């Protein structure tokens, strides 16, 4: 019986350690709107040239990010270009359940892949292929596509 309790305790500690490693250095909660503002600030003088509008229409997300509406999110910040056919989107989410992080990463990468293969706007598709990226840290996932000449910080979740 003592061995069983010791084994159970050891397994519990191991599970705690694995879970802590999955959250990386994010013992604090990030405000995703602040992360977005940090991305804008990183643009320096060009910040005024980057025009993005907040988006909240679930229909938009289902058409460009199928499956994203099915993921339970603690926070979400979505900014898109005011015109169609632009490589200019910033999506930042905090996933509630760890198993959803990979699903969101896949959804975001699928958006990049589809945009990079677009034949209607081949010049824009080239920008998507060259610059768009998915970043993640712990429960936070970002999909950032910015036009040429703008900076995508190396780790947006360390900037806040």
N, C-alpha and C. Protein backbone atom coordinates (compact mmCIF):
# COMPACT_ATOMS: atom_id res chain seq x y z
N UNK A 1 0.82 -1.20 0.00
CA UNK A 1 0.00 0.00 0.00
C UNK A 1 0.86 1.26 0.00
N UNK A 2 1.97 1.27 0.78
CA UNK A 2 2.85 2.42 0.83
C UNK A 2 3.49 2.65 -0.54
N UNK A 3 3.89 1.56 -1.20
CA UNK A 3 4.50 1.69 -2.52
C UNK A 3 3.51 2.29 -3.51
N UNK A 4 2.27 1.89 -3.41
CA UNK A 4 1.24 2.41 -4.30
C UNK A 4 1.07 3.92 -4.09
N UNK A 5 1.04 4.36 -2.85
CA UNK A 5 0.88 5.78 -2.54
C UNK A 5 2.10 6.56 -3.03
N UNK A 6 3.30 6.01 -2.82
CA UNK A 6 4.52 6.66 -3.28
C UNK A 6 4.52 6.74 -4.81
N UNK A 7 4.13 5.67 -5.48
CA UNK A 7 4.06 5.65 -6.93
C UNK A 7 3.03 6.67 -7.44
N UNK A 8 1.89 6.72 -6.80
CA UNK A 8 0.86 7.68 -7.18
C UNK A 8 1.35 9.12 -6.99
N UNK A 9 2.03 9.38 -5.89
CA UNK A 9 2.60 10.70 -5.63
C UNK A 9 3.65 11.08 -6.66
N UNK A 10 4.49 10.13 -7.03
CA UNK A 10 5.52 10.36 -8.03
C UNK A 10 4.89 10.68 -9.38
N UNK A 11 3.88 9.93 -9.76
CA UNK A 11 3.18 10.19 -11.02
C UNK A 11 2.54 11.57 -11.03
N UNK A 12 1.97 11.95 -9.89
CA UNK A 12 1.36 13.27 -9.78
C UNK A 12 2.40 14.37 -9.98
N UNK A 13 3.55 14.24 -9.33
CA UNK A 13 4.62 15.23 -9.47
C UNK A 13 5.15 15.29 -10.90
N UNK A 14 5.27 14.13 -11.53
CA UNK A 14 5.72 14.07 -12.92
C UNK A 14 4.72 14.78 -13.83
N UNK A 15 3.45 14.54 -13.62
CA UNK A 15 2.41 15.20 -14.40
C UNK A 15 2.47 16.71 -14.20
N UNK A 16 2.66 17.16 -12.98
CA UNK A 16 2.78 18.60 -12.70
C UNK A 16 3.97 19.20 -13.43
N UNK A 17 5.09 18.51 -13.43
CA UNK A 17 6.29 19.00 -14.10
C UNK A 17 6.08 19.09 -15.60
N UNK A 18 5.47 18.10 -16.20
CA UNK A 18 5.21 18.10 -17.64
C UNK A 18 4.26 19.23 -18.00
N UNK A 19 3.23 19.42 -17.22
CA UNK A 19 2.28 20.49 -17.47
C UNK A 19 2.95 21.85 -17.35
N UNK A 20 3.79 22.04 -16.38
CA UNK A 20 4.49 23.31 -16.20
C UNK A 20 5.40 23.59 -17.38
N UNK A 21 6.05 22.58 -17.92
CA UNK A 21 6.93 22.77 -19.06
C UNK A 21 6.13 23.20 -20.28
N UNK A 22 4.93 22.70 -20.43
CA UNK A 22 4.08 23.06 -21.56
C UNK A 22 3.68 24.52 -21.55
N UNK A 23 3.62 25.13 -20.39
CA UNK A 23 3.24 26.55 -20.29
C UNK A 23 4.45 27.46 -20.43
N UNK A 24 5.63 26.91 -20.56
CA UNK A 24 6.87 27.65 -20.70
C UNK A 24 7.00 28.69 -19.60
N UNK A 25 7.33 29.90 -19.98
CA UNK A 25 7.59 30.94 -18.99
C UNK A 25 6.37 31.82 -18.75
N UNK A 26 5.18 31.30 -18.93
CA UNK A 26 3.99 32.12 -18.84
C UNK A 26 3.20 31.83 -17.59
N UNK A 27 3.79 32.15 -16.46
CA UNK A 27 3.07 32.05 -15.20
C UNK A 27 2.10 33.23 -15.08
N UNK A 28 2.35 34.27 -15.85
CA UNK A 28 1.46 35.42 -15.83
C UNK A 28 0.56 35.37 -17.07
N UNK A 29 -0.57 35.99 -16.96
CA UNK A 29 -1.48 36.05 -18.09
C UNK A 29 -1.16 37.28 -18.92
N UNK A 30 -1.08 37.10 -20.21
CA UNK A 30 -0.83 38.21 -21.12
C UNK A 30 -2.14 38.84 -21.54
N UNK A 31 -2.14 40.13 -21.70
CA UNK A 31 -3.27 40.84 -22.30
C UNK A 31 -2.97 40.90 -23.80
N UNK A 32 -3.76 40.22 -24.60
CA UNK A 32 -3.46 40.13 -26.02
C UNK A 32 -3.59 41.46 -26.75
N UNK A 33 -4.42 42.35 -26.26
CA UNK A 33 -4.50 43.68 -26.87
C UNK A 33 -3.17 44.41 -26.68
N UNK A 34 -2.51 44.20 -25.54
CA UNK A 34 -1.19 44.79 -25.31
C UNK A 34 -0.14 44.17 -26.23
N UNK A 35 -0.26 42.87 -26.49
CA UNK A 35 0.66 42.21 -27.42
C UNK A 35 0.50 42.82 -28.81
N UNK A 36 -0.76 43.03 -29.22
CA UNK A 36 -1.03 43.65 -30.52
C UNK A 36 -0.40 45.05 -30.58
N UNK A 37 -0.58 45.84 -29.52
CA UNK A 37 0.00 47.18 -29.49
C UNK A 37 1.53 47.12 -29.57
N UNK A 38 2.14 46.10 -28.98
CA UNK A 38 3.59 45.92 -29.06
C UNK A 38 4.03 45.64 -30.49
N UNK A 39 3.22 44.88 -31.21
CA UNK A 39 3.53 44.61 -32.63
C UNK A 39 3.50 45.92 -33.41
N UNK A 40 2.50 46.75 -33.14
CA UNK A 40 2.43 48.05 -33.81
C UNK A 40 3.63 48.93 -33.45
N UNK A 41 3.98 48.97 -32.18
CA UNK A 41 5.10 49.78 -31.72
C UNK A 41 6.41 49.34 -32.39
N UNK A 42 6.55 48.05 -32.64
CA UNK A 42 7.76 47.54 -33.28
C UNK A 42 7.94 48.09 -34.70
N UNK A 43 6.90 48.65 -35.28
CA UNK A 43 6.97 49.18 -36.64
C UNK A 43 7.66 50.54 -36.69
N UNK A 44 7.88 51.14 -35.52
CA UNK A 44 8.54 52.45 -35.48
C UNK A 44 7.75 53.50 -36.23
N UNK A 45 8.43 54.26 -37.07
CA UNK A 45 7.79 55.34 -37.82
C UNK A 45 6.75 54.83 -38.81
N UNK A 46 6.87 53.60 -39.23
CA UNK A 46 5.93 53.03 -40.21
C UNK A 46 4.61 52.60 -39.57
N UNK A 47 4.51 52.73 -38.26
CA UNK A 47 3.31 52.30 -37.54
C UNK A 47 2.04 52.92 -38.12
N UNK A 48 2.09 54.18 -38.49
CA UNK A 48 0.91 54.88 -39.02
C UNK A 48 0.49 54.32 -40.38
N UNK A 49 1.40 53.68 -41.10
CA UNK A 49 1.09 53.12 -42.42
C UNK A 49 0.38 51.78 -42.32
N UNK A 50 0.44 51.14 -41.18
CA UNK A 50 -0.17 49.83 -40.99
C UNK A 50 -1.62 50.01 -40.53
N UNK A 51 -2.53 49.82 -41.47
CA UNK A 51 -3.95 50.05 -41.17
C UNK A 51 -4.65 48.71 -41.04
N UNK A 52 -5.11 48.42 -39.83
CA UNK A 52 -5.84 47.19 -39.54
C UNK A 52 -7.08 47.54 -38.73
N UNK A 53 -8.15 46.81 -38.98
CA UNK A 53 -9.39 47.02 -38.23
C UNK A 53 -9.71 45.78 -37.41
N UNK A 54 -10.28 45.99 -36.23
CA UNK A 54 -10.70 44.82 -35.44
C UNK A 54 -11.82 44.08 -36.15
N UNK A 55 -11.80 42.78 -36.03
CA UNK A 55 -12.81 41.92 -36.66
C UNK A 55 -13.43 41.04 -35.60
N UNK A 56 -14.75 40.88 -35.66
CA UNK A 56 -15.42 40.02 -34.69
C UNK A 56 -16.52 39.17 -35.32
N UNK A 57 -16.69 39.24 -36.64
CA UNK A 57 -17.74 38.49 -37.31
C UNK A 57 -17.40 37.00 -37.36
N UNK A 58 -18.19 36.16 -36.68
CA UNK A 58 -17.93 34.71 -36.70
C UNK A 58 -17.94 34.12 -38.10
N UNK A 59 -18.73 34.70 -39.00
CA UNK A 59 -18.76 34.22 -40.39
C UNK A 59 -17.44 34.40 -41.09
N UNK A 60 -16.77 35.52 -40.80
CA UNK A 60 -15.45 35.76 -41.38
C UNK A 60 -14.48 34.66 -40.97
N UNK A 61 -14.50 34.36 -39.69
CA UNK A 61 -13.55 33.38 -39.18
C UNK A 61 -13.83 31.99 -39.72
N UNK A 62 -15.10 31.66 -39.88
CA UNK A 62 -15.42 30.32 -40.38
C UNK A 62 -14.98 30.18 -41.83
N UNK A 63 -15.04 31.27 -42.61
CA UNK A 63 -14.64 31.17 -44.01
C UNK A 63 -13.13 31.16 -44.20
N UNK A 64 -12.40 31.92 -43.39
CA UNK A 64 -10.94 31.99 -43.54
C UNK A 64 -10.19 31.10 -42.56
N UNK A 65 -10.81 30.80 -41.44
CA UNK A 65 -10.19 29.99 -40.39
C UNK A 65 -11.16 28.90 -39.95
N UNK A 66 -11.51 27.98 -40.87
CA UNK A 66 -12.51 26.96 -40.50
C UNK A 66 -12.09 26.15 -39.28
N UNK A 67 -13.03 26.04 -38.34
CA UNK A 67 -12.78 25.30 -37.13
C UNK A 67 -12.38 26.16 -35.95
N UNK A 68 -11.95 27.40 -36.19
CA UNK A 68 -11.51 28.27 -35.11
C UNK A 68 -12.66 28.58 -34.15
N UNK A 69 -13.86 28.73 -34.68
CA UNK A 69 -15.02 29.03 -33.82
C UNK A 69 -15.35 27.87 -32.88
N UNK A 70 -14.84 26.68 -33.17
CA UNK A 70 -15.12 25.51 -32.33
C UNK A 70 -14.14 25.37 -31.16
N UNK A 71 -13.08 26.17 -31.15
CA UNK A 71 -12.06 26.09 -30.10
C UNK A 71 -12.44 27.03 -28.97
N UNK A 72 -12.34 26.55 -27.73
CA UNK A 72 -12.63 27.38 -26.58
C UNK A 72 -11.44 28.29 -26.30
N UNK A 73 -11.68 29.60 -26.37
CA UNK A 73 -10.61 30.58 -26.21
C UNK A 73 -10.88 31.46 -24.99
N UNK A 74 -9.81 31.76 -24.25
CA UNK A 74 -9.92 32.66 -23.11
C UNK A 74 -9.86 34.11 -23.57
N UNK A 75 -9.07 34.37 -24.61
CA UNK A 75 -8.93 35.71 -25.19
C UNK A 75 -8.74 35.56 -26.69
N UNK A 76 -9.18 36.56 -27.42
CA UNK A 76 -8.88 36.61 -28.84
C UNK A 76 -8.83 38.06 -29.29
N UNK A 77 -7.86 38.37 -30.14
CA UNK A 77 -7.69 39.69 -30.72
C UNK A 77 -7.46 39.47 -32.19
N UNK A 78 -8.36 40.02 -33.03
CA UNK A 78 -8.27 39.82 -34.47
C UNK A 78 -8.26 41.18 -35.16
N UNK A 79 -7.25 41.41 -35.98
CA UNK A 79 -7.17 42.62 -36.78
C UNK A 79 -6.89 42.22 -38.22
N UNK A 80 -7.64 42.82 -39.14
CA UNK A 80 -7.47 42.51 -40.56
C UNK A 80 -7.40 43.81 -41.36
N UNK A 81 -6.92 43.68 -42.59
CA UNK A 81 -6.83 44.84 -43.48
C UNK A 81 -8.24 45.26 -43.91
N UNK A 82 -8.43 46.55 -44.17
CA UNK A 82 -9.76 47.02 -44.57
C UNK A 82 -10.13 46.64 -46.00
N UNK A 83 -9.18 46.12 -46.77
CA UNK A 83 -9.47 45.73 -48.15
C UNK A 83 -9.13 44.26 -48.35
N UNK A 84 -9.85 43.64 -49.27
CA UNK A 84 -9.57 42.24 -49.60
C UNK A 84 -8.29 42.15 -50.42
N UNK A 85 -7.66 41.02 -50.35
CA UNK A 85 -6.47 40.79 -51.16
C UNK A 85 -5.22 41.45 -50.62
N UNK A 86 -5.12 41.56 -49.32
CA UNK A 86 -3.92 42.14 -48.71
C UNK A 86 -3.31 41.12 -47.75
N UNK A 87 -2.01 41.07 -47.73
CA UNK A 87 -1.32 40.19 -46.77
C UNK A 87 -1.14 40.96 -45.48
N UNK A 88 -2.23 41.12 -44.77
CA UNK A 88 -2.20 41.96 -43.59
C UNK A 88 -3.27 41.50 -42.59
N UNK A 89 -2.89 40.59 -41.70
CA UNK A 89 -3.78 40.08 -40.67
C UNK A 89 -2.95 39.79 -39.42
N UNK A 90 -3.54 40.09 -38.26
CA UNK A 90 -2.92 39.74 -36.99
C UNK A 90 -4.00 39.09 -36.13
N UNK A 91 -3.80 37.83 -35.81
CA UNK A 91 -4.72 37.11 -34.93
C UNK A 91 -3.93 36.61 -33.74
N UNK A 92 -4.42 36.90 -32.56
CA UNK A 92 -3.78 36.49 -31.32
C UNK A 92 -4.84 35.82 -30.47
N UNK A 93 -4.56 34.61 -29.99
CA UNK A 93 -5.53 33.90 -29.17
C UNK A 93 -4.85 33.27 -27.96
N UNK A 94 -5.64 33.11 -26.91
CA UNK A 94 -5.23 32.32 -25.76
C UNK A 94 -6.18 31.14 -25.71
N UNK A 95 -5.64 29.94 -25.86
CA UNK A 95 -6.43 28.72 -25.90
C UNK A 95 -6.67 28.25 -24.47
N UNK A 96 -7.91 27.88 -24.18
CA UNK A 96 -8.27 27.46 -22.83
C UNK A 96 -7.69 26.11 -22.46
N UNK A 97 -7.72 25.18 -23.40
CA UNK A 97 -7.22 23.83 -23.13
C UNK A 97 -5.96 23.57 -23.95
N UNK A 98 -4.95 23.03 -23.31
CA UNK A 98 -3.65 22.80 -23.95
C UNK A 98 -3.76 22.00 -25.24
N UNK A 99 -4.67 21.02 -25.28
CA UNK A 99 -4.79 20.20 -26.49
C UNK A 99 -5.31 21.01 -27.68
N UNK A 100 -5.89 22.18 -27.43
CA UNK A 100 -6.38 23.03 -28.51
C UNK A 100 -5.30 23.86 -29.17
N UNK A 101 -4.14 23.98 -28.53
CA UNK A 101 -3.06 24.80 -29.07
C UNK A 101 -2.62 24.29 -30.44
N UNK A 102 -2.38 23.00 -30.57
CA UNK A 102 -1.94 22.45 -31.85
C UNK A 102 -3.02 22.61 -32.92
N UNK A 103 -4.27 22.47 -32.54
CA UNK A 103 -5.38 22.65 -33.49
C UNK A 103 -5.39 24.07 -34.02
N UNK A 104 -5.24 25.05 -33.13
CA UNK A 104 -5.21 26.46 -33.56
C UNK A 104 -3.99 26.71 -34.45
N UNK A 105 -2.85 26.17 -34.08
CA UNK A 105 -1.65 26.32 -34.92
C UNK A 105 -1.90 25.78 -36.32
N UNK A 106 -2.54 24.61 -36.40
CA UNK A 106 -2.84 24.01 -37.69
C UNK A 106 -3.82 24.86 -38.50
N UNK A 107 -4.84 25.41 -37.83
CA UNK A 107 -5.81 26.28 -38.50
C UNK A 107 -5.12 27.52 -39.05
N UNK A 108 -4.27 28.13 -38.24
CA UNK A 108 -3.55 29.33 -38.69
C UNK A 108 -2.60 29.00 -39.84
N UNK A 109 -1.89 27.89 -39.75
CA UNK A 109 -0.97 27.52 -40.82
C UNK A 109 -1.72 27.21 -42.11
N UNK A 110 -2.89 26.62 -41.98
CA UNK A 110 -3.72 26.33 -43.15
C UNK A 110 -4.13 27.63 -43.84
N UNK A 111 -4.44 28.66 -43.06
CA UNK A 111 -4.78 29.97 -43.64
C UNK A 111 -3.60 30.51 -44.43
N UNK A 112 -2.42 30.42 -43.86
CA UNK A 112 -1.22 30.90 -44.55
C UNK A 112 -1.00 30.11 -45.85
N UNK A 113 -1.12 28.80 -45.77
CA UNK A 113 -0.89 27.96 -46.95
C UNK A 113 -1.88 28.28 -48.06
N UNK A 114 -3.15 28.47 -47.70
CA UNK A 114 -4.17 28.80 -48.71
C UNK A 114 -3.90 30.16 -49.32
N UNK A 115 -3.57 31.15 -48.50
CA UNK A 115 -3.30 32.49 -49.00
C UNK A 115 -2.05 32.50 -49.87
N UNK A 116 -1.06 31.71 -49.52
CA UNK A 116 0.18 31.65 -50.29
C UNK A 116 -0.02 30.95 -51.64
N UNK A 117 -1.09 30.17 -51.75
CA UNK A 117 -1.38 29.46 -53.00
C UNK A 117 -2.44 30.17 -53.84
N UNK A 118 -2.88 31.34 -53.41
CA UNK A 118 -3.94 32.08 -54.09
C UNK A 118 -3.49 32.48 -55.50
N UNK A 119 -4.32 32.20 -56.48
CA UNK A 119 -3.99 32.56 -57.86
C UNK A 119 -4.68 33.85 -58.31
N UNK A 120 -5.63 34.34 -57.52
CA UNK A 120 -6.33 35.58 -57.87
C UNK A 120 -5.42 36.78 -57.64
N UNK A 121 -4.69 36.75 -56.54
CA UNK A 121 -3.75 37.83 -56.19
C UNK A 121 -2.35 37.23 -56.05
N UNK A 122 -1.68 36.90 -57.16
CA UNK A 122 -0.39 36.21 -57.06
C UNK A 122 0.70 37.02 -56.35
N UNK A 123 0.69 38.34 -56.49
CA UNK A 123 1.69 39.16 -55.80
C UNK A 123 1.48 39.11 -54.29
N UNK A 124 0.22 39.13 -53.87
CA UNK A 124 -0.10 39.05 -52.45
C UNK A 124 0.21 37.65 -51.93
N UNK A 125 -0.06 36.64 -52.74
CA UNK A 125 0.24 35.26 -52.34
C UNK A 125 1.73 35.10 -52.06
N UNK A 126 2.54 35.74 -52.86
CA UNK A 126 4.00 35.67 -52.65
C UNK A 126 4.39 36.30 -51.31
N UNK A 127 3.75 37.41 -50.94
CA UNK A 127 4.03 38.05 -49.65
C UNK A 127 3.60 37.13 -48.51
N UNK A 128 2.41 36.50 -48.64
CA UNK A 128 1.96 35.55 -47.62
C UNK A 128 3.00 34.44 -47.45
N UNK A 129 3.46 33.89 -48.57
CA UNK A 129 4.41 32.77 -48.51
C UNK A 129 5.73 33.19 -47.87
N UNK A 130 6.15 34.41 -48.12
CA UNK A 130 7.46 34.87 -47.66
C UNK A 130 7.44 35.40 -46.22
N UNK A 131 6.34 36.02 -45.81
CA UNK A 131 6.39 36.73 -44.52
C UNK A 131 5.47 36.20 -43.43
N UNK A 132 4.34 35.62 -43.80
CA UNK A 132 3.36 35.21 -42.77
C UNK A 132 3.92 34.09 -41.91
N UNK A 133 3.54 34.12 -40.63
CA UNK A 133 4.05 33.09 -39.72
C UNK A 133 3.10 32.86 -38.55
N UNK A 134 3.26 31.67 -37.99
CA UNK A 134 2.53 31.29 -36.78
C UNK A 134 3.56 31.24 -35.66
N UNK A 135 3.22 31.87 -34.53
CA UNK A 135 4.06 31.81 -33.34
C UNK A 135 3.21 31.30 -32.19
N UNK A 136 3.85 30.62 -31.26
CA UNK A 136 3.12 30.15 -30.10
C UNK A 136 4.04 30.09 -28.90
N UNK A 137 3.42 30.20 -27.73
CA UNK A 137 4.14 30.07 -26.47
C UNK A 137 3.10 29.73 -25.41
N UNK A 138 3.24 28.54 -24.84
CA UNK A 138 2.25 28.09 -23.86
C UNK A 138 0.87 28.06 -24.49
N UNK A 139 -0.13 28.70 -23.87
CA UNK A 139 -1.49 28.67 -24.41
C UNK A 139 -1.75 29.75 -25.46
N UNK A 140 -0.74 30.54 -25.81
CA UNK A 140 -0.91 31.67 -26.72
C UNK A 140 -0.45 31.29 -28.12
N UNK A 141 -1.27 31.69 -29.11
CA UNK A 141 -0.93 31.41 -30.51
C UNK A 141 -1.20 32.67 -31.32
N UNK A 142 -0.29 32.97 -32.24
CA UNK A 142 -0.42 34.15 -33.10
C UNK A 142 -0.28 33.73 -34.56
N UNK A 143 -1.05 34.38 -35.41
CA UNK A 143 -0.87 34.28 -36.85
C UNK A 143 -0.68 35.72 -37.31
N UNK A 144 0.47 35.99 -37.89
CA UNK A 144 0.78 37.36 -38.29
C UNK A 144 1.20 37.36 -39.76
N UNK A 145 0.52 38.18 -40.53
CA UNK A 145 0.87 38.42 -41.92
C UNK A 145 0.94 39.92 -42.10
N UNK A 146 2.12 40.42 -42.45
CA UNK A 146 2.29 41.85 -42.67
C UNK A 146 2.94 42.07 -44.04
N UNK A 147 2.61 43.17 -44.67
CA UNK A 147 3.20 43.45 -45.99
C UNK A 147 4.72 43.63 -45.91
N UNK A 148 5.34 43.58 -47.07
CA UNK A 148 6.78 43.83 -47.14
C UNK A 148 7.10 45.18 -46.51
N UNK A 149 8.23 45.23 -45.84
CA UNK A 149 8.68 46.46 -45.22
C UNK A 149 8.26 46.61 -43.77
N UNK A 150 7.41 45.71 -43.29
CA UNK A 150 6.99 45.75 -41.89
C UNK A 150 7.67 44.62 -41.14
N UNK A 151 7.78 44.79 -39.83
CA UNK A 151 8.52 43.86 -38.99
C UNK A 151 7.58 42.94 -38.23
N UNK A 152 7.85 41.65 -38.32
CA UNK A 152 7.18 40.69 -37.44
C UNK A 152 8.20 40.32 -36.37
N UNK A 153 7.97 40.75 -35.15
CA UNK A 153 8.93 40.45 -34.08
C UNK A 153 9.17 38.94 -33.94
N UNK A 154 10.37 38.61 -33.51
CA UNK A 154 10.76 37.20 -33.38
C UNK A 154 9.88 36.43 -32.41
N UNK A 155 9.50 37.02 -31.29
CA UNK A 155 8.62 36.36 -30.34
C UNK A 155 7.66 37.40 -29.77
N UNK A 156 6.48 37.49 -30.35
CA UNK A 156 5.53 38.54 -29.97
C UNK A 156 5.05 38.39 -28.53
N UNK A 157 5.11 37.19 -27.98
CA UNK A 157 4.60 36.98 -26.63
C UNK A 157 5.61 37.34 -25.53
N UNK A 158 6.81 37.69 -25.93
CA UNK A 158 7.82 38.18 -24.98
C UNK A 158 7.92 39.69 -24.99
N UNK A 159 7.13 40.35 -25.82
CA UNK A 159 7.25 41.79 -26.00
C UNK A 159 6.43 42.60 -25.01
N UNK A 160 5.32 42.06 -24.53
CA UNK A 160 4.40 42.84 -23.70
C UNK A 160 5.09 43.45 -22.50
